[in-house]
C-alpha atoms as a PDB file:
ATOM      1  CA  MET A   1      19.382 109.269 -73.243  1.00  0.00           C
ATOM      2  CA  ALA A   2      21.664 112.279 -73.616  1.00  0.00           C
ATOM      3  CA  LEU A   3      20.218 113.724 -70.417  1.00  0.00           C
ATOM      4  CA  ASP A   4      21.088 110.548 -68.533  1.00  0.00           C
ATOM      5  CA  MET A   5      24.629 110.650 -69.850  1.00  0.00           C
ATOM      6  CA  THR A   6      25.140 114.212 -68.561  1.00  0.00           C
ATOM      7  CA  GLU A   7      23.490 113.606 -65.209  1.00  0.00           C
ATOM      8  CA  GLN A   8      25.538 110.509 -64.411  1.00  0.00           C
ATOM      9  CA  PRO A   9      28.994 112.190 -64.491  1.00  0.00           C
ATOM     10  CA  GLU A  10      27.624 115.155 -62.515  1.00  0.00           C
ATOM     11  CA  ALA A  11      26.281 112.866 -59.797  1.00  0.00           C
ATOM     12  CA  ALA A  12      29.577 110.981 -59.717  1.00  0.00           C
ATOM     13  CA  ARG A  13      31.543 114.216 -59.362  1.00  0.00           C
ATOM     14  CA  TYR A  14      29.273 115.318 -56.525  1.00  0.00           C
ATOM     15  CA  ARG A  15      29.740 112.026 -54.710  1.00  0.00           C
ATOM     16  CA  ALA A  16      33.507 112.219 -55.275  1.00  0.00           C
ATOM     17  CA  ARG A  17      33.634 115.737 -53.764  1.00  0.00           C
ATOM     18  CA  HIS A  18      31.489 114.555 -50.860  1.00  0.00           C
ATOM     19  CA  GLU A  19      33.807 111.623 -50.159  1.00  0.00           C
ATOM     20  CA  ARG A  20      36.879 113.881 -50.359  1.00  0.00           C
ATOM     21  CA  MET A  21      35.362 116.144 -47.711  1.00  0.00           C
ATOM     22  CA  ARG A  22      34.605 113.101 -45.575  1.00  0.00           C
ATOM     23  CA  ALA A  23      38.197 111.914 -45.990  1.00  0.00           C
ATOM     24  CA  LEU A  24      39.462 115.333 -44.905  1.00  0.00           C
ATOM     25  CA  GLY A  25      37.158 115.321 -41.890  1.00  0.00           C
ATOM     26  CA  TRP A  26      38.236 111.834 -40.823  1.00  0.00           C
ATOM     27  CA  THR A  27      41.887 112.801 -41.257  1.00  0.00           C
ATOM     28  CA  LEU A  28      41.506 115.878 -39.051  1.00  0.00           C
ATOM     29  CA  LEU A  29      39.687 113.789 -36.450  1.00  0.00           C
ATOM     30  CA  GLY A  30      42.461 111.199 -36.602  1.00  0.00           C
ATOM     31  CA  LEU A  31      45.105 113.879 -36.015  1.00  0.00           C
ATOM     32  CA  VAL A  32      43.205 115.201 -33.003  1.00  0.00           C
ATOM     33  CA  LEU A  33      42.850 111.687 -31.603  1.00  0.00           C
ATOM     34  CA  LEU A  34      46.523 111.033 -32.276  1.00  0.00           C
ATOM     35  CA  GLY A  35      47.446 114.079 -30.202  1.00  0.00           C
ATOM     36  CA  LEU A  36      45.074 112.938 -27.455  1.00  0.00           C
ATOM     37  CA  SER A  37      46.609 109.450 -27.535  1.00  0.00           C
ATOM     38  CA  THR A  38      50.062 110.955 -27.138  1.00  0.00           C
ATOM     39  CA  ALA A  39      48.949 113.196 -24.283  1.00  0.00           C
ATOM     40  CA  VAL A  40      47.232 110.415 -22.345  1.00  0.00           C
ATOM     41  CA  GLY A  41      50.012 107.937 -23.081  1.00  0.00           C
ATOM     42  CA  SER A  42      52.621 110.363 -21.776  1.00  0.00           C
ATOM     43  CA  LEU A  43      50.970 110.207 -18.344  1.00  0.00           C
ATOM     44  CA  ILE A  44      51.459 106.462 -18.004  1.00  0.00           C
ATOM     45  CA  THR A  45      55.132 106.578 -16.995  1.00  0.00           C
ATOM     46  CA  GLY A  46      54.540 109.092 -14.218  1.00  0.00           C
ATOM     47  CA  GLN A  47      51.426 107.309 -12.964  1.00  0.00           C
ATOM     48  CA  ILE A  48      53.197 103.957 -12.805  1.00  0.00           C
ATOM     49  CA  ALA A  49      56.163 105.538 -11.014  1.00  0.00           C
ATOM     50  CA  ASP A  50      53.762 106.977  -8.430  1.00  0.00           C
ATOM     51  CA  GLU A  51      52.035 103.617  -8.089  1.00  0.00           C
ATOM     52  CA  GLU A  52      55.312 101.802  -7.481  1.00  0.00           C
ATOM     53  CA  ALA A  53      56.378 104.396  -4.908  1.00  0.00           C
ATOM     54  CA  PHE A  54      53.028 104.189  -3.125  1.00  0.00           C
ATOM     55  CA  LEU A  55      52.927 100.395  -3.050  1.00  0.00           C
ATOM     56  CA  GLY A  56      56.458 100.342  -1.623  1.00  0.00           C
ATOM     57  CA  ALA A  57      55.788 103.016   1.009  1.00  0.00           C
ATOM     58  CA  ARG A  58      56.176 102.179   4.704  1.00  0.00           C
ATOM     59  CA  PRO A  59      55.179 103.999   7.881  1.00  0.00           C
ATOM     60  CA  CYS A  60      57.282 107.090   8.458  1.00  0.00           C
ATOM     61  CA  ALA A  61      58.869 105.747  11.653  1.00  0.00           C
ATOM     62  CA  GLU A  62      60.442 102.841   9.730  1.00  0.00           C
ATOM     63  CA  ALA A  63      61.444 105.096   6.846  1.00  0.00           C
ATOM     64  CA  GLU A  64      63.113 107.587   9.190  1.00  0.00           C
ATOM     65  CA  VAL A  65      65.119 104.803  10.875  1.00  0.00           C
ATOM     66  CA  GLU A  66      66.408 103.620   7.501  1.00  0.00           C
ATOM     67  CA  ALA A  67      67.164 107.182   6.427  1.00  0.00           C
ATOM     68  CA  GLU A  68      69.249 107.738   9.552  1.00  0.00           C
ATOM     69  CA  ALA A  69      71.092 104.448   8.971  1.00  0.00           C
ATOM     70  CA  VAL A  70      72.233 105.495   5.508  1.00  0.00           C
ATOM     71  CA  ALA A  71      72.618 109.178   6.413  1.00  0.00           C
ATOM     72  CA  VAL A  72      70.109 110.156   3.729  1.00  0.00           C
ATOM     73  CA  ARG A  73      66.711 111.644   4.395  1.00  0.00           C
ATOM     74  CA  ARG A  74      64.082 109.712   2.439  1.00  0.00           C
ATOM     75  CA  THR A  75      60.871 110.235   4.362  1.00  0.00           C
ATOM     76  CA  ASP A  76      58.889 112.137   1.707  1.00  0.00           C
ATOM     77  CA  ASP A  77      57.349 108.907   0.394  1.00  0.00           C
ATOM     78  CA  CYS A  78      56.479 107.353   3.739  1.00  0.00           C
ATOM     79  CA  LEU A  79      52.989 106.781   5.125  1.00  0.00           C
ATOM     80  CA  ARG A  80      52.400 109.510   7.692  1.00  0.00           C
ATOM     81  CA  THR A  81      49.793 109.158  10.443  1.00  0.00           C
ATOM     82  CA  ILE A  82      48.197 112.397  11.616  1.00  0.00           C
ATOM     83  CA  ARG A  83      46.102 112.498  14.782  1.00  0.00           C
ATOM     84  CA  ALA A  84      43.504 115.251  14.844  1.00  0.00           C
ATOM     85  CA  THR A  85      40.124 116.282  16.222  1.00  0.00           C
ATOM     86  CA  VAL A  86      37.023 116.246  14.051  1.00  0.00           C
ATOM     87  CA  LEU A  87      35.631 119.728  13.479  1.00  0.00           C
ATOM     88  CA  SER A  88      32.514 118.722  11.527  1.00  0.00           C
ATOM     89  CA  ALA A  89      30.997 115.501  10.226  1.00  0.00           C
ATOM     90  CA  GLN A  90      27.826 115.515   8.179  1.00  0.00           C
ATOM     91  CA  ASP A  91      26.078 114.018   5.163  1.00  0.00           C
ATOM     92  CA  ALA A  92      26.835 115.758   1.860  1.00  0.00           C
ATOM     93  CA  LYS A  93      26.613 115.377  -1.900  1.00  0.00           C
ATOM     94  CA  SER A  94      29.678 114.728  -4.046  1.00  0.00           C
ATOM     95  CA  GLY A  95      30.394 114.634  -7.757  1.00  0.00           C
ATOM     96  CA  PRO A  96      28.287 115.643 -10.746  1.00  0.00           C
ATOM     97  CA  LYS A  97      25.699 112.973  -9.923  1.00  0.00           C
ATOM     98  CA  GLY A  98      25.322 114.145  -6.353  1.00  0.00           C
ATOM     99  CA  ALA A  99      26.297 110.872  -4.724  1.00  0.00           C
ATOM    100  CA  GLY A 100      25.687 110.734  -0.972  1.00  0.00           C
ATOM    101  CA  VAL A 101      28.837 110.821   1.196  1.00  0.00           C
ATOM    102  CA  PHE A 102      29.768 111.472   4.807  1.00  0.00           C
ATOM    103  CA  ARG A 103      32.032 114.550   4.752  1.00  0.00           C
ATOM    104  CA  VAL A 104      34.519 115.111   7.557  1.00  0.00           C
ATOM    105  CA  ARG A 105      36.612 118.194   8.350  1.00  0.00           C
ATOM    106  CA  LEU A 106      39.420 118.248  10.891  1.00  0.00           C
ATOM    107  CA  GLN A 107      40.080 120.982  13.382  1.00  0.00           C
ATOM    108  CA  ALA A 108      43.047 123.238  12.574  1.00  0.00           C
ATOM    109  CA  PRO A 109      45.946 123.229  12.756  1.00  0.00           C
ATOM    110  CA  VAL A 110      46.684 120.010  10.861  1.00  0.00           C
ATOM    111  CA  PRO A 111      49.352 119.511   8.183  1.00  0.00           C
ATOM    112  CA  ALA A 112      48.439 119.033   4.533  1.00  0.00           C
ATOM    113  CA  PRO A 113      46.817 117.072   3.048  1.00  0.00           C
ATOM    114  CA  ALA A 114      44.776 116.296   6.182  1.00  0.00           C
ATOM    115  CA  ASP A 115      43.627 119.933   6.259  1.00  0.00           C
ATOM    116  CA  ARG A 116      41.304 119.209   3.344  1.00  0.00           C
ATOM    117  CA  PRO A 117      37.842 117.707   3.929  1.00  0.00           C
ATOM    118  CA  PHE A 118      37.504 114.036   3.010  1.00  0.00           C
ATOM    119  CA  ASP A 119      34.504 111.906   2.122  1.00  0.00           C
ATOM    120  CA  LEU A 120      33.659 108.602   3.781  1.00  0.00           C
ATOM    121  CA  ARG A 121      31.041 106.108   2.680  1.00  0.00           C
ATOM    122  CA  SER A 122      27.633 107.310   3.811  1.00  0.00           C
ATOM    123  CA  ASN A 123      26.718 103.771   4.921  1.00  0.00           C
ATOM    124  CA  GLY A 124      30.155 102.810   6.279  1.00  0.00           C
ATOM    125  CA  ASP A 125      31.038 101.974   9.863  1.00  0.00           C
ATOM    126  CA  LEU A 126      32.915 105.237  10.389  1.00  0.00           C
ATOM    127  CA  ALA A 127      29.890 107.251   9.282  1.00  0.00           C
ATOM    128  CA  HIS A 128      28.162 105.989  12.434  1.00  0.00           C
ATOM    129  CA  LEU A 129      31.187 106.481  14.700  1.00  0.00           C
ATOM    130  CA  VAL A 130      32.811 109.769  13.694  1.00  0.00           C
ATOM    131  CA  LYS A 131      31.308 112.783  15.493  1.00  0.00           C
ATOM    132  CA  PRO A 132      32.475 116.373  16.005  1.00  0.00           C
ATOM    133  CA  GLY A 133      35.070 116.449  18.762  1.00  0.00           C
ATOM    134  CA  ALA A 134      36.158 112.833  18.223  1.00  0.00           C
ATOM    135  CA  GLU A 135      39.821 111.928  17.778  1.00  0.00           C
ATOM    136  CA  VAL A 136      40.746 110.247  14.478  1.00  0.00           C
ATOM    137  CA  GLU A 137      43.930 109.115  12.728  1.00  0.00           C
ATOM    138  CA  VAL A 138      44.424 110.064   9.103  1.00  0.00           C
ATOM    139  CA  THR A 139      47.104 108.293   7.081  1.00  0.00           C
ATOM    140  CA  THR A 140      48.580 110.327   4.221  1.00  0.00           C
ATOM    141  CA  TRP A 141      51.159 109.797   1.478  1.00  0.00           C
ATOM    142  CA  ARG A 142      52.661 112.771  -0.313  1.00  0.00           C
ATOM    143  CA  ASP A 143      49.598 114.940  -1.024  1.00  0.00           C
ATOM    144  CA  VAL A 144      47.106 112.079  -0.904  1.00  0.00           C
ATOM    145  CA  GLN A 145      44.784 111.077   1.935  1.00  0.00           C
ATOM    146  CA  ILE A 146      44.968 107.292   2.247  1.00  0.00           C
ATOM    147  CA  SER A 147      42.766 106.136   5.112  1.00  0.00           C
ATOM    148  CA  VAL A 148      40.951 107.175   8.296  1.00  0.00           C
ATOM    149  CA  ARG A 149      40.870 105.236  11.567  1.00  0.00           C
ATOM    150  CA  GLN A 150      38.959 105.596  14.813  1.00  0.00           C
ATOM    151  CA  ASP A 151      38.800 103.113  17.695  1.00  0.00           C
ATOM    152  CA  GLY A 152      40.130 100.243  15.587  1.00  0.00           C
ATOM    153  CA  THR A 153      37.734 100.889  12.682  1.00  0.00           C
ATOM    154  CA  SER A 154      39.324 102.131   9.471  1.00  0.00           C
ATOM    155  CA  GLU A 155      38.223 103.027   5.976  1.00  0.00           C
ATOM    156  CA  THR A 156      40.306 103.469   2.831  1.00  0.00           C
ATOM    157  CA  LEU A 157      39.615 106.687   0.972  1.00  0.00           C
ATOM    158  CA  PRO A 158      39.075 106.772  -2.820  1.00  0.00           C
ATOM    159  CA  GLY A 159      41.589 108.073  -5.330  1.00  0.00           C
ATOM    160  CA  LEU A 160      44.662 106.105  -4.266  1.00  0.00           C
ATOM    161  CA  PRO A 161      47.677 106.192  -6.642  1.00  0.00           C
ATOM    162  CA  ASP A 162      47.439 102.485  -7.422  1.00  0.00           C
ATOM    163  CA  GLU A 163      45.341 102.437 -10.598  1.00  0.00           C
ATOM    164  CA  ALA A 164      47.860 103.505 -13.216  1.00  0.00           C
ATOM    165  CA  THR A 165      46.775 100.669 -15.507  1.00  0.00           C
ATOM    166  CA  MET A 166      43.491 102.466 -16.158  1.00  0.00           C
ATOM    167  CA  TYR A 167      45.517 105.135 -17.974  1.00  0.00           C
ATOM    168  CA  VAL A 168      46.652 102.340 -20.277  1.00  0.00           C
ATOM    169  CA  GLY A 169      43.002 101.551 -20.963  1.00  0.00           C
ATOM    170  CA  LEU A 170      42.296 105.199 -21.814  1.00  0.00           C
ATOM    171  CA  THR A 171      45.315 105.255 -24.112  1.00  0.00           C
ATOM    172  CA  LEU A 172      44.145 102.083 -25.870  1.00  0.00           C
ATOM    173  CA  ILE A 173      40.724 103.658 -26.440  1.00  0.00           C
ATOM    174  CA  CYS A 174      42.367 106.701 -28.030  1.00  0.00           C
ATOM    175  CA  VAL A 175      44.740 104.559 -30.113  1.00  0.00           C
ATOM    176  CA  TRP A 176      41.940 102.337 -31.390  1.00  0.00           C
ATOM    177  CA  THR A 177      39.703 105.259 -32.357  1.00  0.00           C
ATOM    178  CA  THR A 178      42.678 106.981 -34.006  1.00  0.00           C
ATOM    179  CA  ALA A 179      43.303 103.909 -36.146  1.00  0.00           C
ATOM    180  CA  LEU A 180      39.617 103.696 -37.096  1.00  0.00           C
ATOM    181  CA  ALA A 181      39.551 107.384 -38.024  1.00  0.00           C
ATOM    182  CA  PHE A 182      42.489 106.971 -40.401  1.00  0.00           C
ATOM    183  CA  ILE A 183      40.977 103.768 -41.827  1.00  0.00           C
ATOM    184  CA  ALA A 184      37.746 105.689 -42.452  1.00  0.00           C
ATOM    185  CA  ALA A 185      39.731 108.484 -44.112  1.00  0.00           C
ATOM    186  CA  PHE A 186      41.436 105.951 -46.378  1.00  0.00           C
ATOM    187  CA  GLY A 187      38.072 104.397 -47.254  1.00  0.00           C
ATOM    188  CA  SER A 188      36.524 107.775 -48.113  1.00  0.00           C
ATOM    189  CA  ALA A 189      39.508 108.705 -50.275  1.00  0.00           C
ATOM    190  CA  ARG A 190      39.258 105.344 -52.033  1.00  0.00           C
ATOM    191  CA  ARG A 191      35.548 105.813 -52.710  1.00  0.00           C
ATOM    192  CA  ALA A 192      36.243 109.313 -54.035  1.00  0.00           C
ATOM    193  CA  ARG A 193      38.722 107.898 -56.561  1.00  0.00           C
ATOM    194  CA  CYS A 194      36.237 105.223 -57.573  1.00  0.00           C
ATOM    195  CA  HIS A 195      33.487 107.791 -58.174  1.00  0.00           C
ATOM    196  CA  ALA A 196      35.875 110.023 -60.110  1.00  0.00           C
ATOM    197  CA  THR A 197      37.061 107.225 -62.404  1.00  0.00           C
ATOM    198  CA  GLY A 198      33.711 105.484 -62.775  1.00  0.00           C
ATOM    199  CA  ARG A 199      34.798 102.292 -61.064  1.00  0.00           C
ATOM    200  CA  PRO A 200      32.352 100.325 -58.884  1.00  0.00           C
ATOM    201  CA  VAL A 201      32.373 101.261 -55.220  1.00  0.00           C
ATOM    202  CA  THR A 202      32.642  98.577 -52.526  1.00  0.00           C
ATOM    203  CA  PRO A 203      29.871  98.993 -49.913  1.00  0.00           C
ATOM    204  CA  ARG A 204      30.952 100.775 -46.769  1.00  0.00           C
ATOM    205  CA  VAL A 205      31.540  98.750 -43.617  1.00  0.00           C
ATOM    206  CA  GLY A 206      28.814  99.375 -41.070  1.00  0.00           C
ATOM    207  CA  PHE A 207      29.656 100.731 -37.643  1.00  0.00           C
ATOM    208  CA  GLY A 208      26.974  99.987 -35.058  1.00  0.00           C
ATOM    209  CA  TRP A 209      26.581 100.529 -31.349  1.00  0.00           C
ATOM    210  CA  ALA A 210      28.072  97.125 -30.574  1.00  0.00           C
ATOM    211  CA  LYS A 211      31.397  98.052 -32.130  1.00  0.00           C
ATOM    212  CA  GLY A 212      31.390 101.440 -30.456  1.00  0.00           C
ATOM    213  CA  LEU A 213      30.836  99.889 -27.049  1.00  0.00           C
ATOM    214  CA  CYS A 214      33.615  97.365 -27.666  1.00  0.00           C
ATOM    215  CA  ILE A 215      36.040 100.169 -28.481  1.00  0.00           C
ATOM    216  CA  VAL A 216      35.311 101.914 -25.175  1.00  0.00           C
ATOM    217  CA  VAL A 217      34.466  99.030 -22.845  1.00  0.00           C
ATOM    218  CA  LEU A 218      36.976  96.377 -23.885  1.00  0.00           C
ATOM    219  CA  PRO A 219      40.216  98.278 -23.084  1.00  0.00           C
ATOM    220  CA  MET A 220      38.886  99.388 -19.690  1.00  0.00           C
ATOM    221  CA  VAL A 221      37.724  95.879 -18.764  1.00  0.00           C
ATOM    222  CA  VAL A 222      41.058  94.377 -19.799  1.00  0.00           C
ATOM    223  CA  SER A 223      42.954  97.063 -17.857  1.00  0.00           C
ATOM    224  CA  TYR A 224      40.885  96.488 -14.739  1.00  0.00           C
ATOM    225  CA  PHE A 225      41.382  92.739 -15.080  1.00  0.00           C
ATOM    226  CA  SER A 226      45.144  93.210 -15.389  1.00  0.00           C
ATOM    227  CA  LEU A 227      45.123  95.631 -12.473  1.00  0.00           C
ATOM    228  CA  THR A 228      43.688  92.953 -10.194  1.00  0.00           C
ATOM    229  CA  LEU A 229      46.361  90.406 -11.154  1.00  0.00           C
ATOM    230  CA  TRP A 230      49.572  92.405 -11.646  1.00  0.00           C
ATOM    231  CA  ASP A 231      51.175  95.678 -10.598  1.00  0.00           C
ATOM    232  CA  ALA A 232      52.751  98.599 -12.410  1.00  0.00           C
ATOM    233  CA  TRP A 233      54.526  97.877 -15.694  1.00  0.00           C
ATOM    234  CA  THR A 234      53.547  94.206 -15.703  1.00  0.00           C
ATOM    235  CA  ALA A 235      49.859  95.146 -15.579  1.00  0.00           C
ATOM    236  CA  ALA A 236      50.372  97.778 -18.286  1.00  0.00           C
ATOM    237  CA  ALA A 237      52.144  95.325 -20.590  1.00  0.00           C
ATOM    238  CA  MET A 238      49.537  92.624 -20.000  1.00  0.00           C
ATOM    239  CA  SER A 239      46.748  95.123 -20.706  1.00  0.00           C
ATOM    240  CA  VAL A 240      48.230  95.834 -24.116  1.00  0.00           C
ATOM    241  CA  ALA A 241      48.921  92.156 -24.829  1.00  0.00           C
ATOM    242  CA  ILE A 242      45.471  90.892 -23.832  1.00  0.00           C
ATOM    243  CA  TRP A 243      43.758  93.786 -25.612  1.00  0.00           C
ATOM    244  CA  ALA A 244      45.705  93.083 -28.809  1.00  0.00           C
ATOM    245  CA  LEU A 245      44.853  89.369 -28.697  1.00  0.00           C
ATOM    246  CA  ILE A 246      41.154  90.243 -28.464  1.00  0.00           C
ATOM    247  CA  ALA A 247      40.823  93.488 -30.388  1.00  0.00           C
ATOM    248  CA  PHE A 248      42.626  92.723 -33.628  1.00  0.00           C
ATOM    249  CA  PRO A 249      40.948  89.359 -34.372  1.00  0.00           C
ATOM    250  CA  ALA A 250      37.558  90.770 -33.350  1.00  0.00           C
ATOM    251  CA  THR A 251      37.988  93.813 -35.593  1.00  0.00           C
ATOM    252  CA  PHE A 252      39.163  91.698 -38.529  1.00  0.00           C
ATOM    253  CA  ALA A 253      36.245  89.283 -38.086  1.00  0.00           C
ATOM    254  CA  ALA A 254      33.775  92.178 -37.956  1.00  0.00           C
ATOM    255  CA  LEU A 255      35.172  93.693 -41.136  1.00  0.00           C
ATOM    256  CA  ARG A 256      35.033  90.351 -42.952  1.00  0.00           C
ATOM    257  CA  TRP A 257      31.500  89.707 -41.730  1.00  0.00           C
ATOM    258  CA  ASP A 258      30.242  93.054 -42.978  1.00  0.00           C
ATOM    259  CA  ARG A 259      32.012  92.694 -46.290  1.00  0.00           C
ATOM    260  CA  ASP A 260      30.548  89.237 -46.875  1.00  0.00           C
ATOM    261  CA  ARG A 261      27.067  90.536 -46.197  1.00  0.00           C
END
């Protein structure tokens, strides 16, 4: 009996130390995620400003006429059309997964950003039309290649500055995981106090794959949904609003469900 009495406090102290270390680890993770949330969130303003400028851009001829009318040169944000000759056009691999694309290079000299190679869809109409020596029109905006046209057939290139809302989704992922990390740190610290004082410990809330997928997938789905309905700050605000209406009740219900079980 005396042996049991000495072993029990020792086991409790060990569990208390273990939970304190877990609390410290969760806190450090939360601080890292907080910094990441701040870094990603700081990009939203600039991305939305670029999106608004891009969506409001007009062909350079119209922009130059307006600039001359007001005696101010404002053609940097216009859509510029560059006519050039194709130097090479061939199938290639792109990205870490080696996706098949149709890579085109233009013959120098051409102004930036048309001097960089661009990738068309490997099964698109232009992939069957564009050949070396052919004349094409490349539309650019700032340092971004927008689209390619040949003989009335055009294709929009990927990476346009009109998806700023997805940065909101990334920020929401970081914010949600930051909150969970600090909640986990609080729970570990609470369990450490319980072990140290001999009080009963409430069972930990489980965290399965379903919850992990919801944390990552839900903000991105909501952001994409908002992106298709609204633009710029409206889409960003609606992403946060819709996410909050879904995420907080779902998280609360999951916590209650696990606790009841």
